[in-house]
Amino acid sequence: MEGPERGDPPPGGEALPGSGQAGSAAGPADGDAASVAPAPVKGPVDDAPWPLGKPQNIPPQPESMRGRAEEMLRRLDALSEPYLRTCLVAESLRAVTWEEGAVLLAELLQTARTSPGGKAARLALTLALGDAELVPAQLASGLLREAQERGHAQVAALLAVRGAYGRLENRRLPPPPPGSPSRELTLGERRALARKPDRKSLEKLLLDPEPMVIRNLLPNPRLIEQDVLRIASRRPCRADVLSEIAGSPRWICRPSIQLALVLNPYNRTEISLRLVEILPRSSLRQVAQESAIDPLIREAAQRVLERS
């Protein structure tokens, strides 16, 4: 039996790979070859470095991010409520890529130094970065990585999670004062009591060691600044308790509260570093000389003093 001649299609009417020929049953007719699109061929330009090839991870242009930062400052200045400013900052960070967000934060911090509304903007940034619901951990870690890669040291310092300088592992919290309801009431009962407008009960809850009790206590209209100062200045103190104060728009805007938190070695270092940026010069001098706190905080205070 003779096989097919050279150039003839194989049995079954299938085309030979690369032959350009097809069997009579399925192949296109003569003259229809143009209707078959040739396979794309990758040329040298596609493999060439930018700007000839496709751009890969092009960093955001500082000019465009600076414009966004200036626009954000104008919008923040038009808002009177600290919580609304905080939401605006968080929304702006969620709306861009991590690369853009890191540059935007750097430009925002730079522009805020000379802007009339810069202090309010930095406070809103502090609240946003401290709220895991507004700025999730994945977003914060992505911004941190990009800030480190791009050399934005100030932004990286605000985002890095460092924990408290003062440690509680080998120390016991002092017991609640005599007569405190913390001795006999459950956590749920103390949380409910913290919401009531009973001044006598509030005073007994000021030293409660549970963050959830303090969270319910802070919005109470009977609470005064001196009460919150007692909590913020307590040593030793759980870092989670101090974080509740730092996350309260009602109280963190008070300069005395800000200073008390920064001077407390049991406060998280990342929170103190954010607050250093908005302290007045008189408070910065005090922070720069405080030996009980993290050296990073003292150094940050000294840098702000030198550039202001």
Foldseek 3Di string as FASTA:
>chain_A
DDADDPPDAHPPQQHDVPPLGTGPPDDDDPPCSVVDDDDDDDDPQCVDAPPSHDDDCDADDLVVLLVVLVVLLVVLVVDDALVVNLLSLLVVLVVDDLRSNLSNVLSNQVVLVPDPSSLSNLLSVLLNLLDCVSQPPVSLVSNLVNCVVVVVVLSNLLSDFDAFQDDCPPPDDDDQDPPACVVPDDPVVLLVLLQDLDVVNLLSCLSPQDLSSLLSNVVRPNDDLVSLLCNLQDPPHAQSNLSSQSNDSVRVVDLSSLLSNLLHRNHTSSSNLSSLSNHDLVSLVVSLPRPSHDNVSNVSSVVNNVVD
